[in-house]
Amino acid sequence: MYAIRTKPGIFFGPKVLYVGESHTGNLYQTLTRHFQRWNRGKDAKWYAGHFEPKQTDPGHTYDRGGVEVTFKVATPARALLHQTAWIRRFRPRDNHAGNYEDAPF
């Protein structure tokens, strides 16, 4: 599992932007997609003022020079539990799916 956060500045501390995990053993591929340039123009559509991504859209992407990454190695069974705990603790800006208030820990 991993967390992406802003680098600390002179007047502010780091802010956690995203927490993710890969329980399939593809942590490198899962993490690096957040730092790739993607051509979202092809096959992507705008509906009622919002963007509907194509199936291969990576989600949020970040500037490599503006963020830091930390990770924690966990078994596949524990990866989702750790991810949920980090999301509840840090309230990352870009994690929107799921109700982490009702998590069983």
N, C-alpha and C. Protein backbone atom coordinates (compact mmCIF):
# COMPACT_ATOMS: atom_id res chain seq x y z
N MET A 1 0.84 -1.17 0.00
CA MET A 1 0.00 0.00 0.00
C MET A 1 0.88 1.22 0.00
N TYR A 2 0.32 2.36 -0.38
CA TYR A 2 1.12 3.57 -0.52
C TYR A 2 0.29 4.82 -0.25
N ALA A 3 1.00 5.90 0.04
CA ALA A 3 0.36 7.20 0.21
C ALA A 3 1.16 8.22 -0.58
N ILE A 4 0.46 9.11 -1.25
CA ILE A 4 1.07 10.21 -2.00
C ILE A 4 0.70 11.49 -1.27
N ARG A 5 1.71 12.31 -0.96
CA ARG A 5 1.43 13.56 -0.26
C ARG A 5 2.24 14.70 -0.86
N THR A 6 1.79 15.91 -0.60
CA THR A 6 2.52 17.09 -1.07
C THR A 6 3.81 17.22 -0.28
N LYS A 7 4.80 17.81 -0.90
CA LYS A 7 6.03 18.10 -0.17
C LYS A 7 5.75 19.26 0.78
N PRO A 8 6.35 19.24 1.98
CA PRO A 8 6.11 20.34 2.91
C PRO A 8 6.70 21.64 2.38
N GLY A 9 6.01 22.73 2.64
CA GLY A 9 6.48 24.04 2.23
C GLY A 9 6.95 24.86 3.42
N ILE A 10 7.29 26.10 3.17
CA ILE A 10 7.76 26.98 4.23
C ILE A 10 6.66 27.28 5.24
N PHE A 11 5.43 27.48 4.76
CA PHE A 11 4.34 27.89 5.63
C PHE A 11 3.29 26.79 5.88
N PHE A 12 3.55 25.60 5.39
CA PHE A 12 2.56 24.54 5.57
C PHE A 12 3.24 23.18 5.59
N GLY A 13 2.59 22.23 6.20
CA GLY A 13 3.10 20.87 6.26
C GLY A 13 2.58 20.05 5.09
N PRO A 14 3.00 18.81 5.00
CA PRO A 14 2.53 17.96 3.90
C PRO A 14 1.05 17.62 4.05
N LYS A 15 0.38 17.45 2.93
CA LYS A 15 -1.03 17.07 2.89
C LYS A 15 -1.15 15.77 2.11
N VAL A 16 -1.76 14.75 2.71
CA VAL A 16 -1.94 13.48 2.02
C VAL A 16 -2.99 13.66 0.93
N LEU A 17 -2.60 13.30 -0.30
CA LEU A 17 -3.48 13.46 -1.44
C LEU A 17 -4.22 12.17 -1.81
N TYR A 18 -3.53 11.04 -1.68
CA TYR A 18 -4.13 9.78 -2.12
C TYR A 18 -3.51 8.61 -1.38
N VAL A 19 -4.33 7.63 -1.04
CA VAL A 19 -3.87 6.38 -0.43
C VAL A 19 -4.37 5.26 -1.33
N GLY A 20 -3.47 4.36 -1.71
CA GLY A 20 -3.84 3.25 -2.58
C GLY A 20 -3.15 1.97 -2.15
N GLU A 21 -3.51 0.89 -2.83
CA GLU A 21 -2.90 -0.40 -2.52
C GLU A 21 -2.94 -1.29 -3.76
N SER A 22 -2.15 -2.34 -3.71
CA SER A 22 -2.18 -3.35 -4.75
C SER A 22 -2.10 -4.71 -4.07
N HIS A 23 -3.22 -5.37 -3.94
CA HIS A 23 -3.24 -6.69 -3.32
C HIS A 23 -2.96 -7.79 -4.33
N THR A 24 -2.64 -7.39 -5.58
CA THR A 24 -2.34 -8.38 -6.62
C THR A 24 -0.84 -8.53 -6.85
N GLY A 25 -0.01 -7.85 -6.07
CA GLY A 25 1.43 -7.96 -6.23
C GLY A 25 1.99 -7.06 -7.31
N ASN A 26 1.23 -6.08 -7.77
CA ASN A 26 1.68 -5.15 -8.81
C ASN A 26 1.85 -3.74 -8.27
N LEU A 27 2.46 -3.60 -7.11
CA LEU A 27 2.59 -2.29 -6.48
C LEU A 27 3.30 -1.29 -7.39
N TYR A 28 4.37 -1.69 -8.03
CA TYR A 28 5.11 -0.77 -8.89
C TYR A 28 4.22 -0.22 -10.00
N GLN A 29 3.51 -1.09 -10.72
CA GLN A 29 2.63 -0.65 -11.80
C GLN A 29 1.48 0.19 -11.27
N THR A 30 0.92 -0.23 -10.16
CA THR A 30 -0.20 0.52 -9.58
C THR A 30 0.22 1.92 -9.17
N LEU A 31 1.37 2.03 -8.53
CA LEU A 31 1.84 3.32 -8.05
C LEU A 31 2.30 4.22 -9.18
N THR A 32 3.06 3.69 -10.14
CA THR A 32 3.62 4.55 -11.18
C THR A 32 2.57 5.10 -12.13
N ARG A 33 1.40 4.51 -12.21
CA ARG A 33 0.35 5.08 -13.08
C ARG A 33 -0.05 6.48 -12.64
N HIS A 34 0.18 6.80 -11.37
CA HIS A 34 -0.17 8.13 -10.87
C HIS A 34 0.80 9.21 -11.33
N PHE A 35 1.90 8.80 -11.96
CA PHE A 35 2.91 9.77 -12.39
C PHE A 35 3.13 9.76 -13.89
N GLN A 36 2.30 9.09 -14.64
CA GLN A 36 2.42 9.03 -16.08
C GLN A 36 1.54 10.08 -16.73
N ARG A 37 1.96 10.51 -17.90
CA ARG A 37 1.14 11.42 -18.70
C ARG A 37 0.16 10.56 -19.50
N TRP A 38 -1.10 10.91 -19.46
CA TRP A 38 -2.12 10.14 -20.15
C TRP A 38 -2.85 11.02 -21.14
N ASN A 39 -3.17 10.47 -22.29
CA ASN A 39 -3.95 11.17 -23.29
C ASN A 39 -5.42 10.85 -23.04
N ARG A 40 -6.07 11.69 -22.31
CA ARG A 40 -7.47 11.43 -21.95
C ARG A 40 -8.43 11.88 -23.03
N GLY A 41 -7.91 12.53 -24.07
CA GLY A 41 -8.78 13.04 -25.12
C GLY A 41 -9.47 11.96 -25.92
N LYS A 42 -8.79 10.86 -26.22
CA LYS A 42 -9.37 9.80 -27.02
C LYS A 42 -10.36 8.99 -26.17
N ASP A 43 -11.51 8.75 -26.73
CA ASP A 43 -12.55 7.91 -26.11
C ASP A 43 -13.14 8.48 -24.82
N ALA A 44 -12.68 9.60 -24.35
CA ALA A 44 -13.25 10.20 -23.14
C ALA A 44 -14.41 11.11 -23.55
N LYS A 45 -15.37 11.27 -22.67
CA LYS A 45 -16.57 12.04 -23.01
C LYS A 45 -16.92 13.00 -21.88
N TRP A 46 -17.54 14.09 -22.27
CA TRP A 46 -18.07 15.05 -21.30
C TRP A 46 -19.59 14.92 -21.29
N TYR A 47 -20.15 14.74 -20.11
CA TYR A 47 -21.60 14.66 -19.97
C TYR A 47 -22.04 15.64 -18.90
N ALA A 48 -22.98 16.50 -19.25
CA ALA A 48 -23.59 17.43 -18.29
C ALA A 48 -22.54 18.15 -17.44
N GLY A 49 -21.46 18.58 -18.06
CA GLY A 49 -20.46 19.37 -17.36
C GLY A 49 -19.45 18.58 -16.55
N HIS A 50 -19.44 17.25 -16.65
CA HIS A 50 -18.43 16.48 -15.94
C HIS A 50 -17.77 15.48 -16.89
N PHE A 51 -16.59 15.10 -16.54
CA PHE A 51 -15.76 14.23 -17.36
C PHE A 51 -16.06 12.78 -17.06
N GLU A 52 -16.32 12.00 -18.08
CA GLU A 52 -16.49 10.56 -17.91
C GLU A 52 -15.28 9.87 -18.55
N PRO A 53 -14.39 9.32 -17.71
CA PRO A 53 -13.16 8.75 -18.25
C PRO A 53 -13.39 7.47 -19.03
N LYS A 54 -12.42 7.16 -19.90
CA LYS A 54 -12.47 5.87 -20.58
C LYS A 54 -12.03 4.78 -19.60
N GLN A 55 -12.18 3.53 -19.99
CA GLN A 55 -11.92 2.42 -19.09
C GLN A 55 -10.48 2.36 -18.58
N THR A 56 -9.51 2.79 -19.35
CA THR A 56 -8.11 2.69 -18.95
C THR A 56 -7.60 3.94 -18.24
N ASP A 57 -8.48 4.84 -17.88
CA ASP A 57 -8.05 6.07 -17.21
C ASP A 57 -7.40 5.75 -15.87
N PRO A 58 -6.26 6.36 -15.55
CA PRO A 58 -5.55 6.02 -14.32
C PRO A 58 -6.11 6.68 -13.08
N GLY A 59 -7.07 7.57 -13.22
CA GLY A 59 -7.53 8.32 -12.06
C GLY A 59 -6.67 9.57 -11.90
N HIS A 60 -6.41 9.95 -10.68
CA HIS A 60 -5.63 11.14 -10.42
C HIS A 60 -4.17 10.91 -10.78
N THR A 61 -3.56 11.93 -11.41
CA THR A 61 -2.13 11.88 -11.68
C THR A 61 -1.48 13.08 -11.00
N TYR A 62 -0.20 12.96 -10.67
CA TYR A 62 0.49 13.96 -9.87
C TYR A 62 1.82 14.34 -10.49
N ASP A 63 2.25 15.56 -10.23
CA ASP A 63 3.55 16.04 -10.68
C ASP A 63 4.63 15.40 -9.82
N ARG A 64 5.57 14.74 -10.45
CA ARG A 64 6.62 14.02 -9.70
C ARG A 64 7.42 14.93 -8.80
N GLY A 65 7.64 16.15 -9.22
CA GLY A 65 8.45 17.07 -8.44
C GLY A 65 7.73 17.69 -7.26
N GLY A 66 6.42 17.55 -7.18
CA GLY A 66 5.65 18.21 -6.14
C GLY A 66 5.13 17.31 -5.03
N VAL A 67 5.43 16.02 -5.12
CA VAL A 67 4.89 15.09 -4.13
C VAL A 67 5.97 14.14 -3.61
N GLU A 68 5.63 13.49 -2.51
CA GLU A 68 6.45 12.43 -1.93
C GLU A 68 5.57 11.18 -1.83
N VAL A 69 6.22 10.02 -1.83
CA VAL A 69 5.49 8.77 -1.72
C VAL A 69 6.07 7.95 -0.58
N THR A 70 5.20 7.37 0.20
CA THR A 70 5.62 6.41 1.21
C THR A 70 4.83 5.13 0.97
N PHE A 71 5.37 4.02 1.38
CA PHE A 71 4.65 2.77 1.19
C PHE A 71 4.86 1.85 2.38
N LYS A 72 3.97 0.88 2.49
CA LYS A 72 4.05 -0.12 3.53
C LYS A 72 3.79 -1.48 2.89
N VAL A 73 4.69 -2.41 3.11
CA VAL A 73 4.51 -3.75 2.56
C VAL A 73 3.61 -4.54 3.50
N ALA A 74 2.58 -5.14 2.92
CA ALA A 74 1.63 -5.92 3.70
C ALA A 74 1.17 -7.11 2.88
N THR A 75 0.67 -8.12 3.55
CA THR A 75 0.10 -9.26 2.83
C THR A 75 -1.16 -8.80 2.11
N PRO A 76 -1.56 -9.50 1.06
CA PRO A 76 -2.79 -9.12 0.36
C PRO A 76 -4.00 -9.04 1.29
N ALA A 77 -4.07 -9.92 2.25
CA ALA A 77 -5.21 -9.93 3.17
C ALA A 77 -5.23 -8.69 4.06
N ARG A 78 -4.07 -8.16 4.38
CA ARG A 78 -3.98 -7.00 5.27
C ARG A 78 -3.93 -5.67 4.52
N ALA A 79 -3.64 -5.71 3.23
CA ALA A 79 -3.46 -4.47 2.47
C ALA A 79 -4.70 -3.58 2.52
N LEU A 80 -5.87 -4.16 2.31
CA LEU A 80 -7.10 -3.36 2.33
C LEU A 80 -7.39 -2.80 3.73
N LEU A 81 -7.07 -3.56 4.76
CA LEU A 81 -7.27 -3.07 6.12
C LEU A 81 -6.36 -1.88 6.42
N HIS A 82 -5.10 -1.99 6.01
CA HIS A 82 -4.16 -0.87 6.21
C HIS A 82 -4.58 0.35 5.40
N GLN A 83 -5.01 0.12 4.17
CA GLN A 83 -5.44 1.23 3.33
C GLN A 83 -6.61 1.97 3.97
N THR A 84 -7.58 1.23 4.44
CA THR A 84 -8.75 1.83 5.07
C THR A 84 -8.34 2.62 6.32
N ALA A 85 -7.44 2.07 7.11
CA ALA A 85 -6.97 2.76 8.31
C ALA A 85 -6.28 4.07 7.95
N TRP A 86 -5.43 4.06 6.92
CA TRP A 86 -4.75 5.29 6.50
C TRP A 86 -5.74 6.32 5.97
N ILE A 87 -6.73 5.87 5.22
CA ILE A 87 -7.74 6.81 4.69
C ILE A 87 -8.51 7.45 5.83
N ARG A 88 -8.90 6.66 6.81
CA ARG A 88 -9.62 7.22 7.96
C ARG A 88 -8.74 8.19 8.74
N ARG A 89 -7.47 7.87 8.88
CA ARG A 89 -6.55 8.71 9.67
C ARG A 89 -6.18 10.01 8.96
N PHE A 90 -5.83 9.93 7.67
CA PHE A 90 -5.28 11.10 6.98
C PHE A 90 -6.29 11.86 6.13
N ARG A 91 -7.46 11.29 5.85
CA ARG A 91 -8.49 11.95 5.04
C ARG A 91 -7.90 12.53 3.74
N PRO A 92 -7.35 11.66 2.88
CA PRO A 92 -6.72 12.16 1.66
C PRO A 92 -7.71 12.86 0.75
N ARG A 93 -7.24 13.89 0.10
CA ARG A 93 -8.06 14.73 -0.75
C ARG A 93 -8.70 13.96 -1.90
N ASP A 94 -7.99 13.00 -2.49
CA ASP A 94 -8.45 12.38 -3.73
C ASP A 94 -9.06 10.99 -3.57
N ASN A 95 -9.25 10.51 -2.36
CA ASN A 95 -9.96 9.24 -2.15
C ASN A 95 -11.42 9.56 -1.89
N HIS A 96 -12.28 9.09 -2.79
CA HIS A 96 -13.70 9.42 -2.66
C HIS A 96 -14.59 8.20 -2.46
N ALA A 97 -14.14 7.04 -2.89
CA ALA A 97 -15.01 5.85 -2.86
C ALA A 97 -15.01 5.20 -1.48
N GLY A 98 -16.14 4.67 -1.10
CA GLY A 98 -16.23 3.88 0.12
C GLY A 98 -16.58 4.69 1.35
N ASN A 99 -17.22 4.03 2.30
CA ASN A 99 -17.55 4.64 3.58
C ASN A 99 -16.60 4.09 4.62
N TYR A 100 -15.56 4.84 4.95
CA TYR A 100 -14.54 4.37 5.85
C TYR A 100 -14.88 4.62 7.31
N GLU A 101 -15.95 5.32 7.57
CA GLU A 101 -16.37 5.55 8.95
C GLU A 101 -16.87 4.25 9.59
N ASP A 102 -17.45 3.37 8.78
CA ASP A 102 -18.04 2.13 9.31
C ASP A 102 -17.08 0.94 9.23
N ALA A 103 -15.81 1.20 8.99
CA ALA A 103 -14.84 0.10 8.89
C ALA A 103 -14.74 -0.61 10.24
N PRO A 104 -14.51 -1.92 10.25
CA PRO A 104 -14.55 -2.70 11.49
C PRO A 104 -13.29 -2.64 12.34
N PHE A 105 -12.63 -1.48 12.42
CA PHE A 105 -11.46 -1.35 13.31
C PHE A 105 -11.29 0.07 13.74
